[in-house]
């Protein structure tokens, strides 16, 4: 192929330190971290949701019938999913010029019921993915996350994401309030996204698998 190949829907797999090390300290004790489950192996336990086994968020290339049944540990996760140097090497091997990068566990976090915790976790992720993509920001195009609590905080999230140098934003499928994204109350959010030149993305939620 003569044209460069760009993956518009790639994902990372958040390592154990993503939220614990990058979160506002007042939320640190509530941040997900790897725990061991006798049946599932290593899991992330999300407040208000429950255990998330690694194959649910790192099951690319696996037989769907085995995803829920297979015990897995983080050592089984392809290293390029969390190590940027290995990511670039994988791009070179596969002939990929660049990738637009989404979260994995972060998609499940979109469903967490506590808006303040959800937002703190997404802010932590935004800091982590900024560091990850700094290895080669031309080839790794990181998208930030906003918790979609309300239009005012979502606009604040956009400004934080822009300041970090991220290239777009992924929103939860539904905002937390009564007004959906097409309500005039959200006009200020859409205007800010245009002004800041941050494309807005939505993604099928991992927790619906």
Protein backbone atom coordinates (compact mmCIF):
# COMPACT_ATOMS: atom_id res chain seq x y z
CA UNK A 1 0.00 0.00 0.00
CA UNK A 2 1.35 3.40 -0.98
CA UNK A 3 -0.57 5.43 1.59
CA UNK A 4 0.35 5.41 5.30
CA UNK A 5 -1.88 3.15 7.38
CA UNK A 6 -3.45 4.84 10.42
CA UNK A 7 -5.44 2.84 12.95
CA UNK A 8 -8.44 4.93 14.00
CA UNK A 9 -9.47 2.60 16.84
CA UNK A 10 -6.57 1.27 18.88
CA UNK A 11 -6.47 0.65 22.63
CA UNK A 12 -3.99 0.50 25.45
CA UNK A 13 -4.35 -1.73 28.51
CA UNK A 14 -4.03 0.33 31.66
CA UNK A 15 -1.23 -1.01 33.91
CA UNK A 16 -1.53 -1.25 37.68
CA UNK A 17 -0.07 2.20 38.35
CA UNK A 18 -2.32 4.15 35.96
CA UNK A 19 -4.82 5.34 38.54
CA UNK A 20 -2.96 4.82 41.83
CA UNK A 21 0.05 6.92 40.81
CA UNK A 22 -1.71 9.60 38.76
CA UNK A 23 -4.90 10.27 40.71
CA UNK A 24 -5.75 13.13 43.06
CA UNK A 25 -4.43 11.82 46.43
CA UNK A 26 -7.82 12.17 48.14
CA UNK A 27 -9.20 9.46 45.81
CA UNK A 28 -6.15 7.18 45.89
CA UNK A 29 -7.56 4.60 48.30
CA UNK A 30 -10.57 4.15 45.99
CA UNK A 31 -8.52 3.82 42.82
CA UNK A 32 -8.60 0.44 41.04
CA UNK A 33 -5.48 -1.66 41.23
CA UNK A 34 -4.68 -5.24 40.35
CA UNK A 35 -6.02 -7.81 42.81
CA UNK A 36 -5.83 -11.59 42.71
CA UNK A 37 -8.99 -13.67 42.33
CA UNK A 38 -8.79 -17.43 42.79
CA UNK A 39 -10.96 -18.14 39.75
CA UNK A 40 -10.28 -15.18 37.45
CA UNK A 41 -6.62 -14.47 38.14
CA UNK A 42 -5.63 -10.81 38.33
CA UNK A 43 -8.55 -8.41 38.19
CA UNK A 44 -9.42 -4.75 38.57
CA UNK A 45 -12.19 -4.23 41.13
CA UNK A 46 -14.22 -1.12 40.24
CA UNK A 47 -16.25 0.56 42.94
CA UNK A 48 -19.95 0.26 42.14
CA UNK A 49 -19.35 -2.25 39.33
CA UNK A 50 -17.33 -5.16 40.68
CA UNK A 51 -14.45 -7.29 39.38
CA UNK A 52 -13.24 -6.85 35.81
CA UNK A 53 -11.16 -9.78 34.59
CA UNK A 54 -8.26 -8.94 32.30
CA UNK A 55 -9.60 -10.90 29.29
CA UNK A 56 -12.62 -8.57 29.25
CA UNK A 57 -10.40 -5.57 28.53
CA UNK A 58 -7.49 -7.37 26.85
CA UNK A 59 -9.24 -10.04 24.80
CA UNK A 60 -8.26 -8.96 21.30
CA UNK A 61 -7.55 -12.01 19.16
CA UNK A 62 -9.10 -14.41 21.68
CA UNK A 63 -12.01 -16.76 21.08
CA UNK A 64 -15.04 -14.88 22.54
CA UNK A 65 -16.24 -18.14 24.12
CA UNK A 66 -13.08 -18.28 26.20
CA UNK A 67 -12.89 -14.66 27.31
CA UNK A 68 -15.04 -15.00 30.42
CA UNK A 69 -13.79 -18.44 31.34
CA UNK A 70 -10.06 -17.89 30.93
CA UNK A 71 -7.93 -17.10 33.96
CA UNK A 72 -5.38 -14.42 33.13
CA UNK A 73 -2.60 -12.41 34.71
CA UNK A 74 -1.18 -9.08 33.62
CA UNK A 75 1.97 -10.84 32.38
CA UNK A 76 -0.25 -12.30 29.64
CA UNK A 77 -1.09 -8.83 28.29
CA UNK A 78 0.94 -7.88 25.18
CA UNK A 79 3.60 -5.48 26.34
CA UNK A 80 2.80 -2.91 23.67
CA UNK A 81 -0.53 -2.40 25.42
CA UNK A 82 1.18 -0.60 28.26
CA UNK A 83 4.82 -0.04 27.25
CA UNK A 84 5.18 2.69 24.60
CA UNK A 85 8.57 1.51 23.31
CA UNK A 86 7.09 -1.91 22.57
CA UNK A 87 4.09 -0.17 21.01
CA UNK A 88 6.28 1.59 18.47
CA UNK A 89 8.07 -1.67 17.71
CA UNK A 90 4.70 -3.36 17.13
CA UNK A 91 3.65 -0.53 14.80
CA UNK A 92 6.83 -0.99 12.80
CA UNK A 93 6.27 -4.74 12.58
CA UNK A 94 2.68 -4.30 11.38
CA UNK A 95 3.36 -1.39 9.04
CA UNK A 96 1.26 1.08 11.02
CA UNK A 97 2.18 4.75 10.68
CA UNK A 98 0.08 6.02 13.62
CA UNK A 99 -2.75 5.07 15.95
CA UNK A 100 -5.64 6.90 17.58
CA UNK A 101 -5.56 5.42 21.08
CA UNK A 102 -8.55 4.74 23.33
CA UNK A 103 -8.63 3.37 26.89
CA UNK A 104 -9.79 -0.14 27.81
CA UNK A 105 -10.56 -0.21 31.54
CA UNK A 106 -11.51 3.43 31.04
CA UNK A 107 -14.50 2.35 28.97
CA UNK A 108 -15.84 0.40 31.95
CA UNK A 109 -15.16 3.38 34.22
CA UNK A 110 -17.68 5.27 32.07
CA UNK A 111 -20.36 3.28 33.92
CA UNK A 112 -19.19 4.00 37.48
CA UNK A 113 -22.05 5.57 39.46
CA UNK A 114 -20.02 8.01 41.56
CA UNK A 115 -19.42 10.99 39.29
CA UNK A 116 -16.65 12.54 41.38
CA UNK A 117 -14.68 9.30 41.52
CA UNK A 118 -15.30 8.67 37.83
CA UNK A 119 -13.94 12.10 36.96
CA UNK A 120 -10.89 11.72 39.21
CA UNK A 121 -10.07 8.39 37.57
CA UNK A 122 -10.41 9.87 34.10
CA UNK A 123 -8.20 12.81 35.00
CA UNK A 124 -5.61 10.32 36.25
CA UNK A 125 -5.88 8.38 33.00
CA UNK A 126 -5.42 11.57 30.99
CA UNK A 127 -2.14 12.25 32.78
CA UNK A 128 -0.98 8.67 32.28
CA UNK A 129 -1.85 8.49 28.58
CA UNK A 130 -0.05 11.81 28.06
CA UNK A 131 3.13 10.26 29.45
CA UNK A 132 2.57 7.11 27.39
CA UNK A 133 2.15 8.99 24.12
CA UNK A 134 5.10 11.29 24.84
CA UNK A 135 7.34 8.48 23.56
CA UNK A 136 6.22 9.47 20.04
CA UNK A 137 3.18 11.79 19.94
CA UNK A 138 3.18 11.80 16.13
CA UNK A 139 2.55 8.08 15.95
CA UNK A 140 0.53 7.68 19.17
CA UNK A 141 -2.48 9.98 19.18
CA UNK A 142 -3.95 9.85 22.66
CA UNK A 143 -7.55 10.72 23.42
CA UNK A 144 -8.49 12.08 26.83
CA UNK A 145 -11.59 11.16 28.80
CA UNK A 146 -14.32 13.29 30.32
CA UNK A 147 -16.75 11.91 32.89
CA UNK A 148 -19.71 13.72 31.33
CA UNK A 149 -21.01 14.84 34.72
CA UNK A 150 -22.54 18.06 33.41
CA UNK A 151 -21.75 20.64 30.71
CA UNK A 152 -19.78 22.91 33.04
CA UNK A 153 -17.33 20.26 34.29
CA UNK A 154 -17.13 18.73 30.80
CA UNK A 155 -15.93 22.08 29.42
CA UNK A 156 -13.34 22.19 32.21
CA UNK A 157 -12.27 18.67 31.21
CA UNK A 158 -11.80 19.81 27.62
CA UNK A 159 -9.49 22.61 28.69
CA UNK A 160 -7.46 20.22 30.87
CA UNK A 161 -7.22 17.72 28.00
CA UNK A 162 -6.08 20.42 25.59
CA UNK A 163 -3.47 21.67 28.07
CA UNK A 164 -2.04 18.14 28.30
CA UNK A 165 -1.56 18.07 24.54
CA UNK A 166 -4.03 15.24 23.90
CA UNK A 167 -5.74 15.25 20.53
CA UNK A 168 -9.39 14.54 21.27
CA UNK A 169 -11.84 13.37 23.92
CA UNK A 170 -13.87 10.22 24.49
CA UNK A 171 -17.21 10.80 26.22
CA UNK A 172 -19.40 8.28 28.06
CA UNK A 173 -22.30 7.02 25.96
CA UNK A 174 -24.68 8.99 28.16
CA UNK A 175 -24.05 12.02 30.38
CA UNK A 176 -24.85 11.71 34.07
CA UNK A 177 -27.64 14.28 34.26
CA UNK A 178 -31.15 14.26 32.81
CA UNK A 179 -30.18 16.26 29.71
CA UNK A 180 -28.66 14.22 26.87
CA UNK A 181 -25.87 15.55 24.67
CA UNK A 182 -28.32 16.96 22.13
CA UNK A 183 -29.99 19.15 24.77
CA UNK A 184 -29.29 22.91 24.44
CA UNK A 185 -27.70 22.75 27.90
CA UNK A 186 -24.77 20.97 26.25
CA UNK A 187 -24.30 23.59 23.54
CA UNK A 188 -21.47 25.18 25.50
CA UNK A 189 -19.62 21.86 25.52
CA UNK A 190 -19.88 21.41 21.76
CA UNK A 191 -18.83 25.02 21.20
CA UNK A 192 -15.78 24.52 23.42
CA UNK A 193 -14.82 21.31 21.59
CA UNK A 194 -14.90 23.21 18.27
CA UNK A 195 -12.98 26.16 19.69
CA UNK A 196 -10.29 23.91 21.18
CA UNK A 197 -10.16 21.71 18.06
CA UNK A 198 -10.78 18.54 20.06
CA UNK A 199 -12.75 15.91 18.11
CA UNK A 200 -15.37 14.18 20.28
CA UNK A 201 -15.59 10.38 20.17
CA UNK A 202 -17.99 7.81 21.58
CA UNK A 203 -17.23 4.10 21.91
CA UNK A 204 -19.13 0.89 22.55
CA UNK A 205 -18.86 0.27 26.27
CA UNK A 206 -16.72 -2.69 27.33
CA UNK A 207 -19.05 -3.43 30.26
CA UNK A 208 -21.87 -4.23 27.79
CA UNK A 209 -19.97 -7.24 26.34
